[in-house]
Amino acid sequence: MFPLHRGRRLRVNESIRSLVRETSLSPADFMFPMFIAEGENVKIEIPSMPGIFRRSIDLTVEEVKELFDLGIRAVNIYVKVDESLKDNTGKEAWNDNGLMQKAIIAIKKACPEMIVMPDVALDPYSIYGHDGIIENGDVANDATNDALVKMAVSHAKAGADFVAPSDMMDGRVLRLRQGLDAAGFHNVGIMSYSAKYASAFYGPFRDALDSAPKDADVEVPKDKKTYQMDYANRIEAIKEAIWDVEEGADMVMVKPGIAYLDIVREVKNAVNVPVTVFHVSGEYAMVKAAAERGWLDHDKTMMEQLMCIKRAGASLISTYFAKEAAILLNKK
């Protein structure tokens, strides 16, 4: 009689494996993070993120069209702000003629069906590299929320489908929802970075935007640990996600991805809205570096990581691999 159960019967060949496969990936599962720079015909590769570029708006639009043709339906956009426009208030963030606003307008005009989710945080606009306004040596929560509302409304005016607050200020989802509704943008959604950890995996991203905390002539926090989460904590992530849903978030996000799949599953089990996972720059860079040295098979590792994120509970994966993965999936 032994063994009564033979799991290998369901693994005999690819046809059988495909019949019983529990999780699947498609290009529509991905969101592509994009970095936007001033100028025209600008395309600058980010050294720590091979294959990822800062592009001017004209080239960003062309890339968005390619992504849409591949089946990708969402982009998460960030801007590289000129140093001369940075200060401690972040006021350039709600300039209706700013780089982010012009990018949103251009993308929606060229590809109306692409879902555009601009980043809402002050770090690209801050002379100190922090996600909010510095007061008395720390990031001022409520003053920062006031600024974020202005920023989000400006994005909505430009045509954003969702705003994506990544700042981790307390209460900002409620303030954003109230601000958007008061301005008449009831249908603009909020994808909240609910469980954003203070992670070492963000290094290449900060290179891309020059958004790391900086030395200053006033007292400022040396890192972002007073607002981003302690990576030792699990229950806190669930609490943050539930609070954001109660405040009006349409989606919640866990960031980073691969190293936090336990958190993804916990959050998925706790909330009744879609869960987005950010497969972050450091996770991307590690695969690229190992593959360049011949230590890992690039495509197999990429697809395994993305499948594991989806399996853990992600409804949407923000990943720098989105275009490469979509190309592979479309060949099958």
C-alpha atoms as a PDB file:
ATOM      1  CA  MET A   1       0.000   0.000   0.000  1.00  0.00           C
ATOM      2  CA  PHE A   2       2.913   2.393   0.638  1.00  0.00           C
ATOM      3  CA  PRO A   3       2.938   5.159  -0.429  1.00  0.00           C
ATOM      4  CA  LEU A   4      -0.800   5.731  -0.636  1.00  0.00           C
ATOM      5  CA  HIS A   5      -0.345   9.338  -1.802  1.00  0.00           C
ATOM      6  CA  ARG A   6       2.022  10.099  -4.662  1.00  0.00           C
ATOM      7  CA  GLY A   7       2.339  13.834  -5.200  1.00  0.00           C
ATOM      8  CA  ARG A   8       4.657  13.244  -8.129  1.00  0.00           C
ATOM      9  CA  ARG A   9       1.706  12.093 -10.256  1.00  0.00           C
ATOM     10  CA  LEU A  10       0.832  15.769 -10.622  1.00  0.00           C
ATOM     11  CA  ARG A  11       4.386  16.669 -11.668  1.00  0.00           C
ATOM     12  CA  VAL A  12       5.008  14.125 -14.424  1.00  0.00           C
ATOM     13  CA  ASN A  13       5.222  16.654 -17.263  1.00  0.00           C
ATOM     14  CA  GLU A  14       4.616  20.339 -18.012  1.00  0.00           C
ATOM     15  CA  SER A  15       1.103  19.714 -19.332  1.00  0.00           C
ATOM     16  CA  ILE A  16       0.011  18.198 -16.036  1.00  0.00           C
ATOM     17  CA  ARG A  17       1.889  20.817 -14.032  1.00  0.00           C
ATOM     18  CA  SER A  18       0.137  23.587 -15.957  1.00  0.00           C
ATOM     19  CA  LEU A  19      -3.271  22.022 -15.294  1.00  0.00           C
ATOM     20  CA  VAL A  20      -2.847  22.104 -11.522  1.00  0.00           C
ATOM     21  CA  ARG A  21      -0.755  25.271 -11.188  1.00  0.00           C
ATOM     22  CA  GLU A  22      -2.184  27.378  -8.383  1.00  0.00           C
ATOM     23  CA  THR A  23      -0.702  30.752  -9.320  1.00  0.00           C
ATOM     24  CA  SER A  24      -0.228  32.433 -12.671  1.00  0.00           C
ATOM     25  CA  LEU A  25       1.367  35.636 -13.922  1.00  0.00           C
ATOM     26  CA  SER A  26       0.352  37.990 -16.698  1.00  0.00           C
ATOM     27  CA  PRO A  27       1.637  41.412 -17.812  1.00  0.00           C
ATOM     28  CA  ALA A  28      -1.483  42.928 -16.247  1.00  0.00           C
ATOM     29  CA  ASP A  29      -0.115  41.917 -12.830  1.00  0.00           C
ATOM     30  CA  PHE A  30       2.737  44.423 -13.170  1.00  0.00           C
ATOM     31  CA  MET A  31       3.225  48.121 -12.608  1.00  0.00           C
ATOM     32  CA  PHE A  32       6.415  49.702 -13.970  1.00  0.00           C
ATOM     33  CA  PRO A  33       8.211  52.358 -11.867  1.00  0.00           C
ATOM     34  CA  MET A  34       9.524  55.147 -14.097  1.00  0.00           C
ATOM     35  CA  PHE A  35      11.997  57.964 -13.431  1.00  0.00           C
ATOM     36  CA  ILE A  36      11.449  61.243 -15.257  1.00  0.00           C
ATOM     37  CA  ALA A  37      14.025  63.948 -15.955  1.00  0.00           C
ATOM     38  CA  GLU A  38      13.916  67.456 -17.367  1.00  0.00           C
ATOM     39  CA  GLY A  39      14.838  68.139 -21.002  1.00  0.00           C
ATOM     40  CA  GLU A  40      14.204  66.473 -24.342  1.00  0.00           C
ATOM     41  CA  ASN A  41      15.599  63.249 -25.769  1.00  0.00           C
ATOM     42  CA  VAL A  42      17.208  62.485 -22.394  1.00  0.00           C
ATOM     43  CA  LYS A  43      17.893  58.855 -21.503  1.00  0.00           C
ATOM     44  CA  ILE A  44      20.383  58.257 -18.687  1.00  0.00           C
ATOM     45  CA  GLU A  45      20.982  54.765 -17.335  1.00  0.00           C
ATOM     46  CA  ILE A  46      21.104  54.453 -13.552  1.00  0.00           C
ATOM     47  CA  PRO A  47      24.443  52.744 -12.793  1.00  0.00           C
ATOM     48  CA  SER A  48      23.150  50.703  -9.855  1.00  0.00           C
ATOM     49  CA  MET A  49      20.063  49.600 -11.812  1.00  0.00           C
ATOM     50  CA  PRO A  50      21.176  48.193 -15.185  1.00  0.00           C
ATOM     51  CA  GLY A  51      18.484  48.584 -17.822  1.00  0.00           C
ATOM     52  CA  ILE A  52      16.593  51.292 -15.904  1.00  0.00           C
ATOM     53  CA  PHE A  53      16.771  54.900 -17.085  1.00  0.00           C
ATOM     54  CA  ARG A  54      15.846  58.430 -16.211  1.00  0.00           C
ATOM     55  CA  ARG A  55      13.963  59.634 -19.278  1.00  0.00           C
ATOM     56  CA  SER A  56      12.673  63.005 -20.375  1.00  0.00           C
ATOM     57  CA  ILE A  57       8.935  63.269 -20.875  1.00  0.00           C
ATOM     58  CA  ASP A  58       9.064  62.692 -24.642  1.00  0.00           C
ATOM     59  CA  LEU A  59      10.944  59.406 -24.259  1.00  0.00           C
ATOM     60  CA  THR A  60       8.834  58.435 -21.239  1.00  0.00           C
ATOM     61  CA  VAL A  61       5.737  58.683 -23.409  1.00  0.00           C
ATOM     62  CA  GLU A  62       7.267  56.403 -26.032  1.00  0.00           C
ATOM     63  CA  GLU A  63       8.191  53.876 -23.350  1.00  0.00           C
ATOM     64  CA  VAL A  64       4.675  53.997 -21.896  1.00  0.00           C
ATOM     65  CA  LYS A  65       3.220  53.152 -25.311  1.00  0.00           C
ATOM     66  CA  GLU A  66       5.542  50.122 -25.539  1.00  0.00           C
ATOM     67  CA  LEU A  67       4.556  48.995 -22.062  1.00  0.00           C
ATOM     68  CA  PHE A  68       0.871  49.249 -22.903  1.00  0.00           C
ATOM     69  CA  ASP A  69       1.352  47.208 -26.074  1.00  0.00           C
ATOM     70  CA  LEU A  70       2.986  44.507 -23.920  1.00  0.00           C
ATOM     71  CA  GLY A  71      -0.090  44.326 -21.703  1.00  0.00           C
ATOM     72  CA  ILE A  72       1.175  46.397 -18.749  1.00  0.00           C
ATOM     73  CA  ARG A  73      -1.592  48.642 -17.502  1.00  0.00           C
ATOM     74  CA  ALA A  74      -0.053  50.784 -14.751  1.00  0.00           C
ATOM     75  CA  VAL A  75       2.995  52.983 -14.191  1.00  0.00           C
ATOM     76  CA  ASN A  76       4.271  54.446 -10.936  1.00  0.00           C
ATOM     77  CA  ILE A  77       6.154  57.660 -11.713  1.00  0.00           C
ATOM     78  CA  TYR A  78       8.893  59.611  -9.928  1.00  0.00           C
ATOM     79  CA  VAL A  79      10.698  62.792 -10.904  1.00  0.00           C
ATOM     80  CA  LYS A  80      14.322  63.911 -10.653  1.00  0.00           C
ATOM     81  CA  VAL A  81      13.979  67.457  -9.374  1.00  0.00           C
ATOM     82  CA  ASP A  82      16.567  70.141 -10.104  1.00  0.00           C
ATOM     83  CA  GLU A  83      18.480  71.196  -6.993  1.00  0.00           C
ATOM     84  CA  SER A  84      17.465  74.821  -7.518  1.00  0.00           C
ATOM     85  CA  LEU A  85      13.808  73.867  -6.961  1.00  0.00           C
ATOM     86  CA  LYS A  86      14.338  72.095  -3.643  1.00  0.00           C
ATOM     87  CA  ASP A  87      13.595  73.626  -0.259  1.00  0.00           C
ATOM     88  CA  ASN A  88      12.151  72.584   3.099  1.00  0.00           C
ATOM     89  CA  THR A  89       8.518  73.241   2.159  1.00  0.00           C
ATOM     90  CA  GLY A  90       8.376  71.027  -0.940  1.00  0.00           C
ATOM     91  CA  LYS A  91       6.284  73.673  -2.704  1.00  0.00           C
ATOM     92  CA  GLU A  92       7.515  72.585  -6.148  1.00  0.00           C
ATOM     93  CA  ALA A  93       5.557  69.370  -5.546  1.00  0.00           C
ATOM     94  CA  TRP A  94       2.255  71.158  -6.167  1.00  0.00           C
ATOM     95  CA  ASN A  95       3.396  73.397  -8.990  1.00  0.00           C
ATOM     96  CA  ASP A  96       0.771  72.756 -11.679  1.00  0.00           C
ATOM     97  CA  ASN A  97       3.498  73.363 -14.286  1.00  0.00           C
ATOM     98  CA  GLY A  98       6.026  71.138 -12.538  1.00  0.00           C
ATOM     99  CA  LEU A  99       7.804  68.170 -14.064  1.00  0.00           C
ATOM    100  CA  MET A 100       5.512  65.584 -12.457  1.00  0.00           C
ATOM    101  CA  GLN A 101       2.362  67.375 -13.546  1.00  0.00           C
ATOM    102  CA  LYS A 102       3.595  67.796 -17.122  1.00  0.00           C
ATOM    103  CA  ALA A 103       4.551  64.112 -17.213  1.00  0.00           C
ATOM    104  CA  ILE A 104       1.101  62.989 -16.062  1.00  0.00           C
ATOM    105  CA  ILE A 105      -0.592  65.174 -18.678  1.00  0.00           C
ATOM    106  CA  ALA A 106       1.662  63.871 -21.454  1.00  0.00           C
ATOM    107  CA  ILE A 107       1.242  60.199 -20.518  1.00  0.00           C
ATOM    108  CA  LYS A 108      -2.551  60.408 -20.247  1.00  0.00           C
ATOM    109  CA  LYS A 109      -2.774  62.274 -23.562  1.00  0.00           C
ATOM    110  CA  ALA A 110      -0.635  59.705 -25.387  1.00  0.00           C
ATOM    111  CA  CYS A 111      -2.041  56.600 -23.694  1.00  0.00           C
ATOM    112  CA  PRO A 112      -5.340  57.394 -21.955  1.00  0.00           C
ATOM    113  CA  GLU A 113      -5.950  53.844 -20.764  1.00  0.00           C
ATOM    114  CA  MET A 114      -2.624  53.548 -18.932  1.00  0.00           C
ATOM    115  CA  ILE A 115      -3.222  53.885 -15.194  1.00  0.00           C
ATOM    116  CA  VAL A 116      -0.888  56.552 -13.810  1.00  0.00           C
ATOM    117  CA  MET A 117       0.033  56.475 -10.117  1.00  0.00           C
ATOM    118  CA  PRO A 118       2.393  59.348  -9.245  1.00  0.00           C
ATOM    119  CA  ASP A 119       4.446  59.153  -6.070  1.00  0.00           C
ATOM    120  CA  VAL A 120       3.265  61.401  -3.253  1.00  0.00           C
ATOM    121  CA  ALA A 121       6.140  62.260  -0.895  1.00  0.00           C
ATOM    122  CA  LEU A 122       8.361  65.277  -0.453  1.00  0.00           C
ATOM    123  CA  ASP A 123      11.804  63.638  -0.551  1.00  0.00           C
ATOM    124  CA  PRO A 124      12.523  64.451  -4.241  1.00  0.00           C
ATOM    125  CA  TYR A 125      11.699  68.089  -3.460  1.00  0.00           C
ATOM    126  CA  SER A 126      13.410  68.377  -0.066  1.00  0.00           C
ATOM    127  CA  ILE A 127      16.813  69.955   0.453  1.00  0.00           C
ATOM    128  CA  TYR A 128      17.217  67.479   3.295  1.00  0.00           C
ATOM    129  CA  GLY A 129      16.164  64.335   1.396  1.00  0.00           C
ATOM    130  CA  HIS A 130      13.352  63.551   3.819  1.00  0.00           C
ATOM    131  CA  ASP A 131       9.762  62.659   3.019  1.00  0.00           C
ATOM    132  CA  GLY A 132       8.384  65.662   4.847  1.00  0.00           C
ATOM    133  CA  ILE A 133       8.962  69.121   6.271  1.00  0.00           C
ATOM    134  CA  ILE A 134      11.676  69.421   8.896  1.00  0.00           C
ATOM    135  CA  GLU A 135      10.681  71.232  12.093  1.00  0.00           C
ATOM    136  CA  ASN A 136      12.585  71.144  15.381  1.00  0.00           C
ATOM    137  CA  GLY A 137      14.936  68.428  14.188  1.00  0.00           C
ATOM    138  CA  ASP A 138      12.281  65.966  13.021  1.00  0.00           C
ATOM    139  CA  VAL A 139       9.771  65.440  10.202  1.00  0.00           C
ATOM    140  CA  ALA A 140       6.620  67.354  11.124  1.00  0.00           C
ATOM    141  CA  ASN A 141       3.728  64.978  10.593  1.00  0.00           C
ATOM    142  CA  ASP A 142       0.729  67.301  10.290  1.00  0.00           C
ATOM    143  CA  ALA A 143       2.483  70.072   8.373  1.00  0.00           C
ATOM    144  CA  THR A 144       3.708  67.430   5.936  1.00  0.00           C
ATOM    145  CA  ASN A 145       0.171  66.102   5.518  1.00  0.00           C
ATOM    146  CA  ASP A 146      -1.010  69.595   4.539  1.00  0.00           C
ATOM    147  CA  ALA A 147       1.680  69.672   1.849  1.00  0.00           C
ATOM    148  CA  LEU A 148       0.829  66.173   0.625  1.00  0.00           C
ATOM    149  CA  VAL A 149      -2.811  67.145   0.117  1.00  0.00           C
ATOM    150  CA  LYS A 150      -1.752  70.040  -2.120  1.00  0.00           C
ATOM    151  CA  MET A 151       0.558  67.689  -4.009  1.00  0.00           C
ATOM    152  CA  ALA A 152      -2.122  65.025  -4.522  1.00  0.00           C
ATOM    153  CA  VAL A 153      -4.738  67.513  -5.701  1.00  0.00           C
ATOM    154  CA  SER A 154      -2.240  68.917  -8.194  1.00  0.00           C
ATOM    155  CA  HIS A 155      -1.610  65.380  -9.498  1.00  0.00           C
ATOM    156  CA  ALA A 156      -5.344  64.787  -9.794  1.00  0.00           C
ATOM    157  CA  LYS A 157      -5.777  68.012 -11.768  1.00  0.00           C
ATOM    158  CA  ALA A 158      -3.117  66.755 -14.192  1.00  0.00           C
ATOM    159  CA  GLY A 159      -5.035  63.518 -14.742  1.00  0.00           C
ATOM    160  CA  ALA A 160      -3.633  60.982 -12.272  1.00  0.00           C
ATOM    161  CA  ASP A 161      -5.817  57.910 -11.802  1.00  0.00           C
ATOM    162  CA  PHE A 162      -4.448  57.134  -8.332  1.00  0.00           C
ATOM    163  CA  VAL A 163      -2.144  58.952  -5.981  1.00  0.00           C
ATOM    164  CA  ALA A 164       0.482  56.843  -4.222  1.00  0.00           C
ATOM    165  CA  PRO A 165       1.539  58.275  -0.844  1.00  0.00           C
ATOM    166  CA  SER A 166       4.886  56.734   0.118  1.00  0.00           C
ATOM    167  CA  ASP A 167       5.709  59.097   2.990  1.00  0.00           C
ATOM    168  CA  MET A 168       4.421  57.054   5.977  1.00  0.00           C
ATOM    169  CA  MET A 169       2.994  60.074   7.820  1.00  0.00           C
ATOM    170  CA  ASP A 170       0.258  59.237  10.315  1.00  0.00           C
ATOM    171  CA  GLY A 171      -3.250  60.044   9.131  1.00  0.00           C
ATOM    172  CA  ARG A 172      -2.271  61.085   5.636  1.00  0.00           C
ATOM    173  CA  VAL A 173      -4.691  58.754   3.838  1.00  0.00           C
ATOM    174  CA  LEU A 174      -7.696  60.364   5.534  1.00  0.00           C
ATOM    175  CA  ARG A 175      -6.364  63.842   4.819  1.00  0.00           C
ATOM    176  CA  LEU A 176      -5.730  62.946   1.178  1.00  0.00           C
ATOM    177  CA  ARG A 177      -9.198  61.456   0.764  1.00  0.00           C
ATOM    178  CA  GLN A 178     -10.802  64.518   2.293  1.00  0.00           C
ATOM    179  CA  GLY A 179      -8.675  66.847   0.175  1.00  0.00           C
ATOM    180  CA  LEU A 180      -9.322  65.019  -3.084  1.00  0.00           C
ATOM    181  CA  ASP A 181     -13.067  64.852  -2.427  1.00  0.00           C
ATOM    182  CA  ALA A 182     -13.245  68.519  -1.485  1.00  0.00           C
ATOM    183  CA  ALA A 183     -11.554  69.376  -4.784  1.00  0.00           C
ATOM    184  CA  GLY A 184     -14.076  67.257  -6.713  1.00  0.00           C
ATOM    185  CA  PHE A 185     -11.789  64.275  -7.424  1.00  0.00           C
ATOM    186  CA  HIS A 186     -13.999  61.576  -5.937  1.00  0.00           C
ATOM    187  CA  ASN A 187     -12.873  58.988  -8.483  1.00  0.00           C
ATOM    188  CA  VAL A 188      -9.145  59.472  -8.005  1.00  0.00           C
ATOM    189  CA  GLY A 189      -7.992  56.506  -5.942  1.00  0.00           C
ATOM    190  CA  ILE A 190      -5.383  56.157  -3.217  1.00  0.00           C
ATOM    191  CA  MET A 191      -2.778  53.397  -3.292  1.00  0.00           C
ATOM    192  CA  SER A 192      -1.182  53.752   0.098  1.00  0.00           C
ATOM    193  CA  TYR A 193       2.301  52.563   0.981  1.00  0.00           C
ATOM    194  CA  SER A 194       0.903  51.155   4.212  1.00  0.00           C
ATOM    195  CA  ALA A 195       3.726  48.866   5.324  1.00  0.00           C
ATOM    196  CA  LYS A 196       6.853  50.611   4.078  1.00  0.00           C
ATOM    197  CA  TYR A 197       9.872  49.424   6.003  1.00  0.00           C
ATOM    198  CA  ALA A 198      13.089  51.315   6.730  1.00  0.00           C
ATOM    199  CA  SER A 199      15.064  49.031   4.449  1.00  0.00           C
ATOM    200  CA  ALA A 200      18.598  48.850   3.106  1.00  0.00           C
ATOM    201  CA  PHE A 201      17.160  47.595  -0.185  1.00  0.00           C
ATOM    202  CA  TYR A 202      16.298  51.144  -1.354  1.00  0.00           C
ATOM    203  CA  GLY A 203      19.856  52.226  -2.128  1.00  0.00           C
ATOM    204  CA  PRO A 204      19.720  52.183  -5.947  1.00  0.00           C
ATOM    205  CA  PHE A 205      16.385  54.042  -5.940  1.00  0.00           C
ATOM    206  CA  ARG A 206      17.897  56.844  -3.881  1.00  0.00           C
ATOM    207  CA  ASP A 207      20.746  57.020  -6.386  1.00  0.00           C
ATOM    208  CA  ALA A 208      18.165  57.455  -9.137  1.00  0.00           C
ATOM    209  CA  LEU A 209      16.458  60.437  -7.490  1.00  0.00           C
ATOM    210  CA  ASP A 210      19.139  61.740  -5.146  1.00  0.00           C
ATOM    211  CA  SER A 211      16.586  61.357  -2.358  1.00  0.00           C
ATOM    212  CA  ALA A 212      18.712  59.991   0.487  1.00  0.00           C
ATOM    213  CA  PRO A 213      18.837  62.021   3.740  1.00  0.00           C
ATOM    214  CA  LYS A 214      21.558  64.667   3.547  1.00  0.00           C
ATOM    215  CA  ASP A 215      23.876  66.398   5.952  1.00  0.00           C
ATOM    216  CA  ALA A 216      22.529  69.818   6.822  1.00  0.00           C
ATOM    217  CA  ASP A 217      23.327  72.963   8.727  1.00  0.00           C
ATOM    218  CA  VAL A 218      20.289  72.319  10.939  1.00  0.00           C
ATOM    219  CA  GLU A 219      19.376  69.288  13.002  1.00  0.00           C
ATOM    220  CA  VAL A 220      17.701  66.628  10.850  1.00  0.00           C
ATOM    221  CA  PRO A 221      17.143  62.894  11.319  1.00  0.00           C
ATOM    222  CA  LYS A 222      20.100  60.897   9.971  1.00  0.00           C
ATOM    223  CA  ASP A 223      17.763  58.290   8.444  1.00  0.00           C
ATOM    224  CA  LYS A 224      14.049  57.627   7.866  1.00  0.00           C
ATOM    225  CA  LYS A 225      13.451  55.325  10.821  1.00  0.00           C
ATOM    226  CA  THR A 226      11.204  57.774  12.676  1.00  0.00           C
ATOM    227  CA  TYR A 227       8.519  57.309  10.020  1.00  0.00           C
ATOM    228  CA  GLN A 228       9.320  54.173   7.994  1.00  0.00           C
ATOM    229  CA  MET A 229       8.712  50.897   9.817  1.00  0.00           C
ATOM    230  CA  ASP A 230      11.108  48.777  11.856  1.00  0.00           C
ATOM    231  CA  TYR A 231      11.804  45.624   9.839  1.00  0.00           C
ATOM    232  CA  ALA A 232      11.616  43.531  13.017  1.00  0.00           C
ATOM    233  CA  ASN A 233       7.858  44.164  13.245  1.00  0.00           C
ATOM    234  CA  ARG A 234       4.990  42.142  11.809  1.00  0.00           C
ATOM    235  CA  ILE A 235       1.874  43.083  13.791  1.00  0.00           C
ATOM    236  CA  GLU A 236       2.580  46.759  13.184  1.00  0.00           C
ATOM    237  CA  ALA A 237       2.289  46.205   9.425  1.00  0.00           C
ATOM    238  CA  ILE A 238      -1.165  44.684   9.800  1.00  0.00           C
ATOM    239  CA  LYS A 239      -2.247  47.571  12.013  1.00  0.00           C
ATOM    240  CA  GLU A 240      -0.956  50.190   9.543  1.00  0.00           C
ATOM    241  CA  ALA A 241      -2.741  48.524   6.625  1.00  0.00           C
ATOM    242  CA  ILE A 242      -6.036  48.272   8.492  1.00  0.00           C
ATOM    243  CA  TRP A 243      -5.808  51.925   9.543  1.00  0.00           C
ATOM    244  CA  ASP A 244      -5.200  53.002   5.953  1.00  0.00           C
ATOM    245  CA  VAL A 245      -8.193  51.035   4.695  1.00  0.00           C
ATOM    246  CA  GLU A 246     -10.349  52.591   7.421  1.00  0.00           C
ATOM    247  CA  GLU A 247      -9.134  56.030   6.312  1.00  0.00           C
ATOM    248  CA  GLY A 248     -10.116  55.385   2.695  1.00  0.00           C
ATOM    249  CA  ALA A 249      -7.231  53.642   0.914  1.00  0.00           C
ATOM    250  CA  ASP A 250      -8.372  51.792  -2.217  1.00  0.00           C
ATOM    251  CA  MET A 251      -5.194  49.681  -2.296  1.00  0.00           C
ATOM    252  CA  VAL A 252      -2.441  49.080   0.230  1.00  0.00           C
ATOM    253  CA  MET A 253       1.205  48.342  -0.423  1.00  0.00           C
ATOM    254  CA  VAL A 254       3.932  46.296   1.231  1.00  0.00           C
ATOM    255  CA  LYS A 255       7.492  47.434   0.513  1.00  0.00           C
ATOM    256  CA  PRO A 256      10.031  45.789  -0.025  1.00  0.00           C
ATOM    257  CA  GLY A 257       8.927  42.544  -1.659  1.00  0.00           C
ATOM    258  CA  ILE A 258      10.908  39.309  -1.621  1.00  0.00           C
ATOM    259  CA  ALA A 259      12.312  39.736   1.895  1.00  0.00           C
ATOM    260  CA  TYR A 260       8.823  40.574   3.223  1.00  0.00           C
ATOM    261  CA  LEU A 261       6.553  37.879   1.787  1.00  0.00           C
ATOM    262  CA  ASP A 262       5.377  36.900   5.265  1.00  0.00           C
ATOM    263  CA  ILE A 263       4.095  40.462   5.658  1.00  0.00           C
ATOM    264  CA  VAL A 264       2.402  40.333   2.246  1.00  0.00           C
ATOM    265  CA  ARG A 265       0.421  37.264   3.281  1.00  0.00           C
ATOM    266  CA  GLU A 266      -0.453  38.703   6.695  1.00  0.00           C
ATOM    267  CA  VAL A 267      -1.718  41.937   5.147  1.00  0.00           C
ATOM    268  CA  LYS A 268      -3.610  40.064   2.422  1.00  0.00           C
ATOM    269  CA  ASN A 269      -5.417  38.062   5.101  1.00  0.00           C
ATOM    270  CA  ALA A 270      -6.222  41.182   7.122  1.00  0.00           C
ATOM    271  CA  VAL A 271      -7.712  43.600   4.564  1.00  0.00           C
ATOM    272  CA  ASN A 272     -10.422  43.484   1.932  1.00  0.00           C
ATOM    273  CA  VAL A 273      -8.736  45.690  -0.680  1.00  0.00           C
ATOM    274  CA  PRO A 274      -6.084  44.804  -3.303  1.00  0.00           C
ATOM    275  CA  VAL A 275      -2.552  44.441  -1.993  1.00  0.00           C
ATOM    276  CA  THR A 276       0.310  45.876  -4.052  1.00  0.00           C
ATOM    277  CA  VAL A 277       3.891  44.764  -3.492  1.00  0.00           C
ATOM    278  CA  PHE A 278       6.925  46.846  -4.453  1.00  0.00           C
ATOM    279  CA  HIS A 279       9.729  44.616  -5.713  1.00  0.00           C
ATOM    280  CA  VAL A 280      12.301  47.251  -4.932  1.00  0.00           C
ATOM    281  CA  SER A 281      15.477  48.542  -6.542  1.00  0.00           C
ATOM    282  CA  GLY A 282      17.900  46.606  -4.341  1.00  0.00           C
ATOM    283  CA  GLU A 283      16.101  43.345  -5.037  1.00  0.00           C
ATOM    284  CA  TYR A 284      16.292  44.111  -8.749  1.00  0.00           C
ATOM    285  CA  ALA A 285      19.973  45.106  -8.586  1.00  0.00           C
ATOM    286  CA  MET A 286      20.986  41.929  -6.760  1.00  0.00           C
ATOM    287  CA  VAL A 287      19.534  39.705  -9.482  1.00  0.00           C
ATOM    288  CA  LYS A 288      21.183  41.791 -12.192  1.00  0.00           C
ATOM    289  CA  ALA A 289      24.570  41.695 -10.462  1.00  0.00           C
ATOM    290  CA  ALA A 290      24.475  37.945  -9.800  1.00  0.00           C
ATOM    291  CA  ALA A 291      23.354  37.228 -13.363  1.00  0.00           C
ATOM    292  CA  GLU A 292      26.157  39.386 -14.808  1.00  0.00           C
ATOM    293  CA  ARG A 293      28.644  37.224 -12.906  1.00  0.00           C
ATOM    294  CA  GLY A 294      27.032  34.011 -14.090  1.00  0.00           C
ATOM    295  CA  TRP A 295      25.959  33.050 -10.573  1.00  0.00           C
ATOM    296  CA  LEU A 296      22.216  32.971 -11.361  1.00  0.00           C
ATOM    297  CA  ASP A 297      20.060  32.430 -14.434  1.00  0.00           C
ATOM    298  CA  HIS A 298      18.573  35.907 -14.878  1.00  0.00           C
ATOM    299  CA  ASP A 299      15.230  35.077 -16.458  1.00  0.00           C
ATOM    300  CA  LYS A 300      14.493  32.048 -14.304  1.00  0.00           C
ATOM    301  CA  THR A 301      15.319  33.926 -11.105  1.00  0.00           C
ATOM    302  CA  MET A 302      13.285  36.956 -12.190  1.00  0.00           C
ATOM    303  CA  MET A 303      10.191  34.891 -12.967  1.00  0.00           C
ATOM    304  CA  GLU A 304      10.502  32.827  -9.796  1.00  0.00           C
ATOM    305  CA  GLN A 305      10.658  35.939  -7.638  1.00  0.00           C
ATOM    306  CA  LEU A 306       7.650  37.504  -9.365  1.00  0.00           C
ATOM    307  CA  MET A 307       5.642  34.281  -9.077  1.00  0.00           C
ATOM    308  CA  CYS A 308       6.480  34.041  -5.372  1.00  0.00           C
ATOM    309  CA  ILE A 309       5.287  37.610  -4.780  1.00  0.00           C
ATOM    310  CA  LYS A 310       2.019  36.838  -6.559  1.00  0.00           C
ATOM    311  CA  ARG A 311       1.656  33.563  -4.652  1.00  0.00           C
ATOM    312  CA  ALA A 312       2.094  35.397  -1.344  1.00  0.00           C
ATOM    313  CA  GLY A 313      -0.984  37.490  -2.111  1.00  0.00           C
ATOM    314  CA  ALA A 314      -0.072  40.405  -4.368  1.00  0.00           C
ATOM    315  CA  SER A 315      -2.808  41.719  -6.628  1.00  0.00           C
ATOM    316  CA  LEU A 316      -0.337  44.057  -8.326  1.00  0.00           C
ATOM    317  CA  ILE A 317       3.467  43.989  -8.401  1.00  0.00           C
ATOM    318  CA  SER A 318       5.419  47.194  -8.877  1.00  0.00           C
ATOM    319  CA  THR A 319       8.681  45.920 -10.351  1.00  0.00           C
ATOM    320  CA  TYR A 320      11.591  47.130 -12.451  1.00  0.00           C
ATOM    321  CA  PHE A 321      11.391  43.735 -14.156  1.00  0.00           C
ATOM    322  CA  ALA A 322       7.914  44.494 -15.524  1.00  0.00           C
ATOM    323  CA  LYS A 323       8.915  45.046 -19.139  1.00  0.00           C
ATOM    324  CA  GLU A 324      11.348  42.115 -19.310  1.00  0.00           C
ATOM    325  CA  ALA A 325       8.856  39.785 -17.626  1.00  0.00           C
ATOM    326  CA  ALA A 326       6.023  40.891 -19.909  1.00  0.00           C
ATOM    327  CA  ILE A 327       8.146  40.184 -22.984  1.00  0.00           C
ATOM    328  CA  LEU A 328       8.871  36.668 -21.715  1.00  0.00           C
ATOM    329  CA  LEU A 329       5.244  35.989 -20.829  1.00  0.00           C
ATOM    330  CA  ASN A 330       4.065  37.174 -24.247  1.00  0.00           C
ATOM    331  CA  LYS A 331       6.410  34.669 -25.934  1.00  0.00           C
ATOM    332  CA  LYS A 332       4.777  31.716 -24.227  1.00  0.00           C
END
